[in-house]
């Protein structure tokens, strides 16, 4: 299988700091798997159900290519935007649904403590395999994949589509970002797959720079957002996120939108995949820009 390599893009400005804490993990709590670059575990004490490391290149903390358990997905305090990405997404999910437990699945290795290795959708496929095997143990009710890249024909490793369909049959959605390439016909792999809930980003027409999102303004699809007629939903792409340092910074992108929907799905789970998806459709309103149109979900934040 040809490997397909992925890269992340974020934009930011630091403001302040925060640490998330909660009660210890309970088996009856809902969990959200975050397939990304790992997290600084010190910021999420008490809300981590498990940690997983699945790497194609470099090694996990145990010296192997895979690891399951405490510290497996820990990045510590990093400043590289790729390695910080998982912490940022975890912070958005927690903002939307503070009651959910988190399972960071680290798929990005390191050359040095603050330099990422290349990685691909092969690691995403292995992470989905792990979710299938452990969904009952940790009551996993959503999977977020806020990374990816566009590949011709929605190229993914063999078995990825089957994993997505298997999780859907267990009422677990795979929610993925469409990407930030201003592409009006294609989405990132794996967001482009059938039965993946693909999420693009909205903006407000007058917003510039690091301005906060205005939930009362008429939303428009962000000019940077990938999307097409098959994109499932569009959500606010402008968020204040927590960095591995604990600082708060502004971020914008479809990654943020996808993470927000993962938290919102679990918070408002209606008992089945189809019931929750239809509930979200009923809560959505039309949105568009000059090239794209779709369904916008306004979160009450």
C-alpha atoms as a PDB file:
ATOM      1  CA  UNK A   1       0.000   0.000   0.000  1.00  0.00           C
ATOM      2  CA  UNK A   2       1.389   3.390  -0.986  1.00  0.00           C
ATOM      3  CA  UNK A   3       1.891   5.644   2.052  1.00  0.00           C
ATOM      4  CA  UNK A   4       0.120   9.014   2.098  1.00  0.00           C
ATOM      5  CA  UNK A   5       1.741  11.666   4.271  1.00  0.00           C
ATOM      6  CA  UNK A   6      -0.171  14.284   6.225  1.00  0.00           C
ATOM      7  CA  UNK A   7       0.564  17.723   7.600  1.00  0.00           C
ATOM      8  CA  UNK A   8      -1.230  20.137   9.977  1.00  0.00           C
ATOM      9  CA  UNK A   9      -1.654  23.921   9.833  1.00  0.00           C
ATOM     10  CA  UNK A  10      -2.666  26.233  12.695  1.00  0.00           C
ATOM     11  CA  UNK A  11      -2.656  29.993  13.287  1.00  0.00           C
ATOM     12  CA  UNK A  12      -2.414  31.544  16.753  1.00  0.00           C
ATOM     13  CA  UNK A  13      -1.690  34.309  19.287  1.00  0.00           C
ATOM     14  CA  UNK A  14      -1.109  33.559  23.002  1.00  0.00           C
ATOM     15  CA  UNK A  15      -3.339  35.154  25.629  1.00  0.00           C
ATOM     16  CA  UNK A  16      -3.459  33.438  29.074  1.00  0.00           C
ATOM     17  CA  UNK A  17      -3.347  29.953  30.693  1.00  0.00           C
ATOM     18  CA  UNK A  18      -5.546  27.125  32.016  1.00  0.00           C
ATOM     19  CA  UNK A  19      -5.495  23.544  33.319  1.00  0.00           C
ATOM     20  CA  UNK A  20      -8.409  21.096  33.034  1.00  0.00           C
ATOM     21  CA  UNK A  21      -9.242  18.913  36.013  1.00  0.00           C
ATOM     22  CA  UNK A  22     -12.135  16.601  36.819  1.00  0.00           C
ATOM     23  CA  UNK A  23     -12.976  13.533  38.844  1.00  0.00           C
ATOM     24  CA  UNK A  24     -11.231  10.235  38.124  1.00  0.00           C
ATOM     25  CA  UNK A  25     -12.346   8.159  35.169  1.00  0.00           C
ATOM     26  CA  UNK A  26     -15.509   6.106  35.606  1.00  0.00           C
ATOM     27  CA  UNK A  27     -16.381   3.181  33.310  1.00  0.00           C
ATOM     28  CA  UNK A  28     -19.899   4.509  32.714  1.00  0.00           C
ATOM     29  CA  UNK A  29     -18.701   7.873  31.373  1.00  0.00           C
ATOM     30  CA  UNK A  30     -18.619   8.553  27.655  1.00  0.00           C
ATOM     31  CA  UNK A  31     -15.202   8.758  26.022  1.00  0.00           C
ATOM     32  CA  UNK A  32     -14.007  10.502  22.873  1.00  0.00           C
ATOM     33  CA  UNK A  33     -11.002   9.133  20.988  1.00  0.00           C
ATOM     34  CA  UNK A  34      -8.747  11.870  19.592  1.00  0.00           C
ATOM     35  CA  UNK A  35      -6.541  10.580  16.767  1.00  0.00           C
ATOM     36  CA  UNK A  36      -3.907  13.288  16.604  1.00  0.00           C
ATOM     37  CA  UNK A  37      -0.466  14.299  17.863  1.00  0.00           C
ATOM     38  CA  UNK A  38      -0.936  13.469  21.551  1.00  0.00           C
ATOM     39  CA  UNK A  39      -1.483  15.827  24.478  1.00  0.00           C
ATOM     40  CA  UNK A  40       0.295  17.327  27.453  1.00  0.00           C
ATOM     41  CA  UNK A  41      -1.224  14.982  30.036  1.00  0.00           C
ATOM     42  CA  UNK A  42      -0.596  17.410  32.906  1.00  0.00           C
ATOM     43  CA  UNK A  43      -3.314  19.715  31.560  1.00  0.00           C
ATOM     44  CA  UNK A  44      -6.023  17.042  31.532  1.00  0.00           C
ATOM     45  CA  UNK A  45      -5.627  15.299  34.878  1.00  0.00           C
ATOM     46  CA  UNK A  46      -8.687  13.262  35.800  1.00  0.00           C
ATOM     47  CA  UNK A  47     -10.345  13.363  32.381  1.00  0.00           C
ATOM     48  CA  UNK A  48      -8.128  10.895  30.502  1.00  0.00           C
ATOM     49  CA  UNK A  49      -9.661   7.425  30.163  1.00  0.00           C
ATOM     50  CA  UNK A  50      -6.575   5.956  28.471  1.00  0.00           C
ATOM     51  CA  UNK A  51      -3.610   6.952  26.316  1.00  0.00           C
ATOM     52  CA  UNK A  52      -2.446   5.220  23.141  1.00  0.00           C
ATOM     53  CA  UNK A  53       0.607   5.598  20.919  1.00  0.00           C
ATOM     54  CA  UNK A  54       0.683   4.168  17.374  1.00  0.00           C
ATOM     55  CA  UNK A  55       3.663   5.289  15.294  1.00  0.00           C
ATOM     56  CA  UNK A  56       5.015   4.397  11.877  1.00  0.00           C
ATOM     57  CA  UNK A  57       8.259   6.268  12.520  1.00  0.00           C
ATOM     58  CA  UNK A  58      10.250   6.810  15.751  1.00  0.00           C
ATOM     59  CA  UNK A  59       9.190   5.107  18.981  1.00  0.00           C
ATOM     60  CA  UNK A  60       6.634   5.452  21.740  1.00  0.00           C
ATOM     61  CA  UNK A  61       7.807   6.067  25.342  1.00  0.00           C
ATOM     62  CA  UNK A  62       8.203   2.286  25.821  1.00  0.00           C
ATOM     63  CA  UNK A  63      10.718   2.133  22.981  1.00  0.00           C
ATOM     64  CA  UNK A  64       8.298   0.351  20.637  1.00  0.00           C
ATOM     65  CA  UNK A  65       6.057   1.484  17.770  1.00  0.00           C
ATOM     66  CA  UNK A  66       2.890   1.029  19.846  1.00  0.00           C
ATOM     67  CA  UNK A  67       1.925   1.536  23.471  1.00  0.00           C
ATOM     68  CA  UNK A  68      -1.296   1.522  25.495  1.00  0.00           C
ATOM     69  CA  UNK A  69      -1.396   3.067  28.953  1.00  0.00           C
ATOM     70  CA  UNK A  70      -0.314   5.993  31.100  1.00  0.00           C
ATOM     71  CA  UNK A  71       2.060   8.368  29.328  1.00  0.00           C
ATOM     72  CA  UNK A  72       1.665   6.745  25.905  1.00  0.00           C
ATOM     73  CA  UNK A  73       0.345   9.897  24.199  1.00  0.00           C
ATOM     74  CA  UNK A  74       2.057  12.465  26.414  1.00  0.00           C
ATOM     75  CA  UNK A  75       3.886  15.262  24.569  1.00  0.00           C
ATOM     76  CA  UNK A  76       4.874  17.312  27.568  1.00  0.00           C
ATOM     77  CA  UNK A  77       5.298  21.024  26.920  1.00  0.00           C
ATOM     78  CA  UNK A  78       6.009  21.447  23.196  1.00  0.00           C
ATOM     79  CA  UNK A  79       5.825  24.549  21.000  1.00  0.00           C
ATOM     80  CA  UNK A  80       5.852  22.950  17.558  1.00  0.00           C
ATOM     81  CA  UNK A  81       2.434  23.553  15.963  1.00  0.00           C
ATOM     82  CA  UNK A  82       2.072  19.958  14.742  1.00  0.00           C
ATOM     83  CA  UNK A  83       2.879  18.459  18.137  1.00  0.00           C
ATOM     84  CA  UNK A  84       0.684  21.010  19.957  1.00  0.00           C
ATOM     85  CA  UNK A  85      -2.321  20.227  17.748  1.00  0.00           C
ATOM     86  CA  UNK A  86      -3.690  17.328  19.802  1.00  0.00           C
ATOM     87  CA  UNK A  87      -3.689  19.366  23.018  1.00  0.00           C
ATOM     88  CA  UNK A  88      -5.538  22.156  21.228  1.00  0.00           C
ATOM     89  CA  UNK A  89      -8.214  19.795  19.905  1.00  0.00           C
ATOM     90  CA  UNK A  90      -8.628  18.120  23.296  1.00  0.00           C
ATOM     91  CA  UNK A  91      -9.193  21.551  24.839  1.00  0.00           C
ATOM     92  CA  UNK A  92     -11.975  22.351  22.338  1.00  0.00           C
ATOM     93  CA  UNK A  93     -13.689  19.021  22.990  1.00  0.00           C
ATOM     94  CA  UNK A  94     -13.520  19.681  26.724  1.00  0.00           C
ATOM     95  CA  UNK A  95     -14.944  23.189  26.294  1.00  0.00           C
ATOM     96  CA  UNK A  96     -17.936  21.786  24.420  1.00  0.00           C
ATOM     97  CA  UNK A  97     -18.438  18.718  26.620  1.00  0.00           C
ATOM     98  CA  UNK A  98     -16.712  18.965  30.023  1.00  0.00           C
ATOM     99  CA  UNK A  99     -18.233  15.658  31.152  1.00  0.00           C
ATOM    100  CA  UNK A 100     -16.609  13.515  28.445  1.00  0.00           C
ATOM    101  CA  UNK A 101     -13.460  11.507  29.095  1.00  0.00           C
ATOM    102  CA  UNK A 102     -10.647  11.767  26.548  1.00  0.00           C
ATOM    103  CA  UNK A 103      -8.563   9.073  24.867  1.00  0.00           C
ATOM    104  CA  UNK A 104      -5.650  10.691  23.007  1.00  0.00           C
ATOM    105  CA  UNK A 105      -4.220   8.405  20.334  1.00  0.00           C
ATOM    106  CA  UNK A 106      -0.822   9.728  19.298  1.00  0.00           C
ATOM    107  CA  UNK A 107       0.080   9.037  15.656  1.00  0.00           C
ATOM    108  CA  UNK A 108       2.848  11.629  15.259  1.00  0.00           C
ATOM    109  CA  UNK A 109       6.352  10.614  16.280  1.00  0.00           C
ATOM    110  CA  UNK A 110       9.267  12.960  16.950  1.00  0.00           C
ATOM    111  CA  UNK A 111      12.748  13.467  15.571  1.00  0.00           C
ATOM    112  CA  UNK A 112      13.638  15.396  18.732  1.00  0.00           C
ATOM    113  CA  UNK A 113      11.474  16.515  21.668  1.00  0.00           C
ATOM    114  CA  UNK A 114      10.039  19.435  19.654  1.00  0.00           C
ATOM    115  CA  UNK A 115      10.297  18.242  16.023  1.00  0.00           C
ATOM    116  CA  UNK A 116       7.611  15.968  14.463  1.00  0.00           C
ATOM    117  CA  UNK A 117       8.171  13.020  12.158  1.00  0.00           C
ATOM    118  CA  UNK A 118       6.126  12.492   9.008  1.00  0.00           C
ATOM    119  CA  UNK A 119       3.075  10.290   9.452  1.00  0.00           C
ATOM    120  CA  UNK A 120       0.275   8.910   7.296  1.00  0.00           C
ATOM    121  CA  UNK A 121      -3.221   7.496   7.166  1.00  0.00           C
ATOM    122  CA  UNK A 122      -1.750   4.063   7.834  1.00  0.00           C
ATOM    123  CA  UNK A 123      -1.438   5.190  11.453  1.00  0.00           C
ATOM    124  CA  UNK A 124      -5.018   6.493  11.361  1.00  0.00           C
ATOM    125  CA  UNK A 125      -6.184   3.070  10.181  1.00  0.00           C
ATOM    126  CA  UNK A 126      -4.349   1.345  13.054  1.00  0.00           C
ATOM    127  CA  UNK A 127      -5.847   3.855  15.489  1.00  0.00           C
ATOM    128  CA  UNK A 128      -9.346   3.046  14.217  1.00  0.00           C
ATOM    129  CA  UNK A 129      -8.557  -0.651  14.720  1.00  0.00           C
ATOM    130  CA  UNK A 130      -7.699   0.126  18.345  1.00  0.00           C
ATOM    131  CA  UNK A 131     -10.962   2.022  18.821  1.00  0.00           C
ATOM    132  CA  UNK A 132     -12.980  -0.917  17.475  1.00  0.00           C
ATOM    133  CA  UNK A 133     -11.232  -3.304  19.849  1.00  0.00           C
ATOM    134  CA  UNK A 134     -11.652  -1.029  22.895  1.00  0.00           C
ATOM    135  CA  UNK A 135     -14.918   0.822  22.256  1.00  0.00           C
ATOM    136  CA  UNK A 136     -16.881  -1.149  24.868  1.00  0.00           C
ATOM    137  CA  UNK A 137     -14.170  -1.077  27.538  1.00  0.00           C
ATOM    138  CA  UNK A 138     -14.057   2.729  27.488  1.00  0.00           C
ATOM    139  CA  UNK A 139     -17.609   3.483  26.295  1.00  0.00           C
ATOM    140  CA  UNK A 140     -16.230   5.328  23.257  1.00  0.00           C
ATOM    141  CA  UNK A 141     -19.039   7.328  21.667  1.00  0.00           C
ATOM    142  CA  UNK A 142     -17.120   9.406  19.088  1.00  0.00           C
ATOM    143  CA  UNK A 143     -13.805   9.512  17.250  1.00  0.00           C
ATOM    144  CA  UNK A 144     -12.247  12.792  16.147  1.00  0.00           C
ATOM    145  CA  UNK A 145      -9.685  13.016  13.342  1.00  0.00           C
ATOM    146  CA  UNK A 146      -8.689  16.683  13.012  1.00  0.00           C
ATOM    147  CA  UNK A 147      -5.903  16.110  10.499  1.00  0.00           C
ATOM    148  CA  UNK A 148      -5.375  14.891   6.973  1.00  0.00           C
ATOM    149  CA  UNK A 149      -4.629  15.966   3.423  1.00  0.00           C
ATOM    150  CA  UNK A 150      -6.297  15.794   0.005  1.00  0.00           C
ATOM    151  CA  UNK A 151      -5.414  12.747  -2.101  1.00  0.00           C
ATOM    152  CA  UNK A 152      -6.760  11.898  -5.534  1.00  0.00           C
ATOM    153  CA  UNK A 153      -9.719   9.582  -5.358  1.00  0.00           C
ATOM    154  CA  UNK A 154      -9.911   9.912  -1.560  1.00  0.00           C
ATOM    155  CA  UNK A 155      -6.971   7.536  -1.203  1.00  0.00           C
ATOM    156  CA  UNK A 156      -6.775   5.716   2.142  1.00  0.00           C
ATOM    157  CA  UNK A 157      -5.181   2.462   3.326  1.00  0.00           C
ATOM    158  CA  UNK A 158      -7.089  -0.757   2.672  1.00  0.00           C
ATOM    159  CA  UNK A 159      -9.618  -1.486   5.407  1.00  0.00           C
ATOM    160  CA  UNK A 160     -10.154   2.123   6.496  1.00  0.00           C
ATOM    161  CA  UNK A 161     -13.645   2.287   4.998  1.00  0.00           C
ATOM    162  CA  UNK A 162     -14.544  -1.001   6.671  1.00  0.00           C
ATOM    163  CA  UNK A 163     -13.388   0.379  10.029  1.00  0.00           C
ATOM    164  CA  UNK A 164     -15.575   3.464   9.577  1.00  0.00           C
ATOM    165  CA  UNK A 165     -18.607   1.331   8.720  1.00  0.00           C
ATOM    166  CA  UNK A 166     -17.930  -1.039  11.620  1.00  0.00           C
ATOM    167  CA  UNK A 167     -17.823   1.841  14.074  1.00  0.00           C
ATOM    168  CA  UNK A 168     -21.017   3.294  12.604  1.00  0.00           C
ATOM    169  CA  UNK A 169     -22.730  -0.084  13.118  1.00  0.00           C
ATOM    170  CA  UNK A 170     -21.733   0.244  16.796  1.00  0.00           C
ATOM    171  CA  UNK A 171     -23.174   3.800  16.874  1.00  0.00           C
ATOM    172  CA  UNK A 172     -19.724   5.388  17.038  1.00  0.00           C
ATOM    173  CA  UNK A 173     -19.190   8.197  14.501  1.00  0.00           C
ATOM    174  CA  UNK A 174     -15.833   8.971  12.911  1.00  0.00           C
ATOM    175  CA  UNK A 175     -15.781  12.774  12.689  1.00  0.00           C
ATOM    176  CA  UNK A 176     -13.086  14.373  10.515  1.00  0.00           C
ATOM    177  CA  UNK A 177     -11.976  17.816   9.327  1.00  0.00           C
ATOM    178  CA  UNK A 178     -12.379  18.671   5.639  1.00  0.00           C
ATOM    179  CA  UNK A 179      -9.103  20.641   5.512  1.00  0.00           C
ATOM    180  CA  UNK A 180      -7.960  24.224   4.988  1.00  0.00           C
ATOM    181  CA  UNK A 181      -6.892  24.381   1.318  1.00  0.00           C
ATOM    182  CA  UNK A 182      -9.779  26.488  -0.073  1.00  0.00           C
ATOM    183  CA  UNK A 183     -10.737  23.481  -2.174  1.00  0.00           C
ATOM    184  CA  UNK A 184     -14.356  23.667  -3.363  1.00  0.00           C
ATOM    185  CA  UNK A 185     -14.549  20.123  -4.752  1.00  0.00           C
ATOM    186  CA  UNK A 186     -12.413  17.841  -2.572  1.00  0.00           C
ATOM    187  CA  UNK A 187     -11.997  17.122   1.143  1.00  0.00           C
ATOM    188  CA  UNK A 188      -9.161  15.659   3.170  1.00  0.00           C
ATOM    189  CA  UNK A 189      -8.743  11.946   3.532  1.00  0.00           C
ATOM    190  CA  UNK A 190     -10.373  10.552   5.695  1.00  0.00           C
ATOM    191  CA  UNK A 191     -13.174  13.160   5.761  1.00  0.00           C
ATOM    192  CA  UNK A 192     -13.991  12.325   2.138  1.00  0.00           C
ATOM    193  CA  UNK A 193     -14.927   8.700   2.907  1.00  0.00           C
ATOM    194  CA  UNK A 194     -18.580   7.602   2.894  1.00  0.00           C
ATOM    195  CA  UNK A 195     -20.025   7.412   6.425  1.00  0.00           C
ATOM    196  CA  UNK A 196     -17.356   9.693   7.876  1.00  0.00           C
ATOM    197  CA  UNK A 197     -19.009  12.803   9.291  1.00  0.00           C
ATOM    198  CA  UNK A 198     -17.071  15.528   7.484  1.00  0.00           C
ATOM    199  CA  UNK A 199     -16.845  18.964   9.072  1.00  0.00           C
ATOM    200  CA  UNK A 200     -15.958  22.244   7.403  1.00  0.00           C
ATOM    201  CA  UNK A 201     -15.587  25.659   9.030  1.00  0.00           C
ATOM    202  CA  UNK A 202     -17.655  28.825   9.143  1.00  0.00           C
ATOM    203  CA  UNK A 203     -16.542  32.402   9.622  1.00  0.00           C
ATOM    204  CA  UNK A 204     -18.221  35.776  10.023  1.00  0.00           C
ATOM    205  CA  UNK A 205     -17.811  38.060   6.999  1.00  0.00           C
ATOM    206  CA  UNK A 206     -16.271  40.953   8.951  1.00  0.00           C
ATOM    207  CA  UNK A 207     -13.830  38.915  11.030  1.00  0.00           C
ATOM    208  CA  UNK A 208     -10.153  39.561  10.572  1.00  0.00           C
ATOM    209  CA  UNK A 209      -7.019  38.360  12.325  1.00  0.00           C
ATOM    210  CA  UNK A 210      -7.496  36.950  15.807  1.00  0.00           C
ATOM    211  CA  UNK A 211     -10.984  38.330  16.403  1.00  0.00           C
ATOM    212  CA  UNK A 212     -13.304  36.113  18.435  1.00  0.00           C
ATOM    213  CA  UNK A 213     -16.210  34.376  16.762  1.00  0.00           C
ATOM    214  CA  UNK A 214     -19.585  36.136  16.918  1.00  0.00           C
ATOM    215  CA  UNK A 215     -22.260  33.434  17.370  1.00  0.00           C
ATOM    216  CA  UNK A 216     -25.025  35.946  16.659  1.00  0.00           C
ATOM    217  CA  UNK A 217     -23.752  36.982  13.231  1.00  0.00           C
ATOM    218  CA  UNK A 218     -24.901  35.259  10.081  1.00  0.00           C
ATOM    219  CA  UNK A 219     -22.367  32.491   9.475  1.00  0.00           C
ATOM    220  CA  UNK A 220     -20.614  32.054   6.164  1.00  0.00           C
ATOM    221  CA  UNK A 221     -18.437  29.126   5.130  1.00  0.00           C
ATOM    222  CA  UNK A 222     -14.796  30.115   5.641  1.00  0.00           C
ATOM    223  CA  UNK A 223     -12.972  30.907   2.415  1.00  0.00           C
ATOM    224  CA  UNK A 224     -10.160  28.587   3.539  1.00  0.00           C
ATOM    225  CA  UNK A 225     -12.484  25.642   4.240  1.00  0.00           C
ATOM    226  CA  UNK A 226     -12.469  22.626   1.947  1.00  0.00           C
ATOM    227  CA  UNK A 227     -15.887  21.257   1.120  1.00  0.00           C
ATOM    228  CA  UNK A 228     -18.287  19.967  -1.481  1.00  0.00           C
ATOM    229  CA  UNK A 229     -21.875  18.776  -1.801  1.00  0.00           C
ATOM    230  CA  UNK A 230     -21.117  15.765   0.428  1.00  0.00           C
ATOM    231  CA  UNK A 231     -19.764  17.740   3.401  1.00  0.00           C
ATOM    232  CA  UNK A 232     -21.876  16.782   6.408  1.00  0.00           C
ATOM    233  CA  UNK A 233     -21.789  19.967   8.512  1.00  0.00           C
ATOM    234  CA  UNK A 234     -20.075  23.318   8.983  1.00  0.00           C
ATOM    235  CA  UNK A 235     -19.250  24.706  12.431  1.00  0.00           C
ATOM    236  CA  UNK A 236     -17.431  27.712  13.851  1.00  0.00           C
ATOM    237  CA  UNK A 237     -13.730  27.433  13.015  1.00  0.00           C
ATOM    238  CA  UNK A 238     -12.543  30.210  15.356  1.00  0.00           C
ATOM    239  CA  UNK A 239     -11.648  29.039  18.872  1.00  0.00           C
ATOM    240  CA  UNK A 240      -9.526  29.891  21.862  1.00  0.00           C
ATOM    241  CA  UNK A 241      -7.505  26.753  22.537  1.00  0.00           C
ATOM    242  CA  UNK A 242      -5.158  25.564  25.266  1.00  0.00           C
ATOM    243  CA  UNK A 243      -1.505  25.048  24.313  1.00  0.00           C
ATOM    244  CA  UNK A 244       0.753  22.386  25.860  1.00  0.00           C
ATOM    245  CA  UNK A 245       2.290  25.222  27.896  1.00  0.00           C
ATOM    246  CA  UNK A 246      -1.118  25.923  29.429  1.00  0.00           C
ATOM    247  CA  UNK A 247      -1.374  29.245  27.591  1.00  0.00           C
ATOM    248  CA  UNK A 248      -4.575  30.117  25.748  1.00  0.00           C
ATOM    249  CA  UNK A 249      -4.283  31.123  22.112  1.00  0.00           C
ATOM    250  CA  UNK A 250      -6.508  31.850  19.139  1.00  0.00           C
ATOM    251  CA  UNK A 251      -6.821  29.122  16.492  1.00  0.00           C
ATOM    252  CA  UNK A 252      -8.799  28.920  13.291  1.00  0.00           C
ATOM    253  CA  UNK A 253      -9.461  26.001  10.956  1.00  0.00           C
ATOM    254  CA  UNK A 254     -11.601  23.008  10.125  1.00  0.00           C
ATOM    255  CA  UNK A 255      -9.676  21.017  12.751  1.00  0.00           C
ATOM    256  CA  UNK A 256     -11.316  23.180  15.399  1.00  0.00           C
ATOM    257  CA  UNK A 257     -14.750  22.677  13.840  1.00  0.00           C
ATOM    258  CA  UNK A 258     -14.363  18.895  13.786  1.00  0.00           C
ATOM    259  CA  UNK A 259     -13.253  18.740  17.416  1.00  0.00           C
ATOM    260  CA  UNK A 260     -16.219  20.889  18.432  1.00  0.00           C
ATOM    261  CA  UNK A 261     -18.669  18.568  16.692  1.00  0.00           C
ATOM    262  CA  UNK A 262     -17.118  15.522  18.374  1.00  0.00           C
ATOM    263  CA  UNK A 263     -17.769  17.089  21.758  1.00  0.00           C
ATOM    264  CA  UNK A 264     -21.256  18.216  20.754  1.00  0.00           C
ATOM    265  CA  UNK A 265     -22.199  14.775  19.392  1.00  0.00           C
ATOM    266  CA  UNK A 266     -21.321  13.062  22.650  1.00  0.00           C
ATOM    267  CA  UNK A 267     -22.965  15.753  24.780  1.00  0.00           C
ATOM    268  CA  UNK A 268     -26.219  15.401  22.812  1.00  0.00           C
ATOM    269  CA  UNK A 269     -26.134  11.695  21.982  1.00  0.00           C
ATOM    270  CA  UNK A 270     -29.678  10.522  21.171  1.00  0.00           C
ATOM    271  CA  UNK A 271     -29.194   6.784  21.720  1.00  0.00           C
ATOM    272  CA  UNK A 272     -28.190   5.731  18.196  1.00  0.00           C
ATOM    273  CA  UNK A 273     -25.989   7.004  15.404  1.00  0.00           C
ATOM    274  CA  UNK A 274     -28.913   7.694  13.078  1.00  0.00           C
ATOM    275  CA  UNK A 275     -31.010   9.421  15.754  1.00  0.00           C
ATOM    276  CA  UNK A 276     -28.117  11.702  16.721  1.00  0.00           C
ATOM    277  CA  UNK A 277     -27.246  12.499  13.110  1.00  0.00           C
ATOM    278  CA  UNK A 278     -30.866  13.340  12.281  1.00  0.00           C
ATOM    279  CA  UNK A 279     -31.114  15.426  15.478  1.00  0.00           C
ATOM    280  CA  UNK A 280     -28.106  17.434  14.315  1.00  0.00           C
ATOM    281  CA  UNK A 281     -29.607  17.918  10.856  1.00  0.00           C
ATOM    282  CA  UNK A 282     -32.795  19.225  12.453  1.00  0.00           C
ATOM    283  CA  UNK A 283     -30.738  21.649  14.551  1.00  0.00           C
ATOM    284  CA  UNK A 284     -28.795  22.932  11.529  1.00  0.00           C
ATOM    285  CA  UNK A 285     -29.500  25.951   9.353  1.00  0.00           C
ATOM    286  CA  UNK A 286     -28.303  26.771   5.815  1.00  0.00           C
ATOM    287  CA  UNK A 287     -24.929  28.431   5.331  1.00  0.00           C
ATOM    288  CA  UNK A 288     -22.870  29.268   2.259  1.00  0.00           C
ATOM    289  CA  UNK A 289     -20.201  31.353   0.611  1.00  0.00           C
ATOM    290  CA  UNK A 290     -19.766  32.197  -3.071  1.00  0.00           C
ATOM    291  CA  UNK A 291     -18.761  28.605  -3.909  1.00  0.00           C
ATOM    292  CA  UNK A 292     -20.165  26.272  -1.258  1.00  0.00           C
ATOM    293  CA  UNK A 293     -23.382  25.681   0.632  1.00  0.00           C
ATOM    294  CA  UNK A 294     -24.228  23.339   3.475  1.00  0.00           C
ATOM    295  CA  UNK A 295     -25.597  22.799   6.977  1.00  0.00           C
ATOM    296  CA  UNK A 296     -24.413  25.014   9.842  1.00  0.00           C
ATOM    297  CA  UNK A 297     -24.617  23.956  13.492  1.00  0.00           C
ATOM    298  CA  UNK A 298     -24.530  26.787  16.015  1.00  0.00           C
ATOM    299  CA  UNK A 299     -23.128  25.731  19.358  1.00  0.00           C
ATOM    300  CA  UNK A 300     -24.440  27.566  22.453  1.00  0.00           C
ATOM    301  CA  UNK A 301     -21.047  28.835  23.645  1.00  0.00           C
END
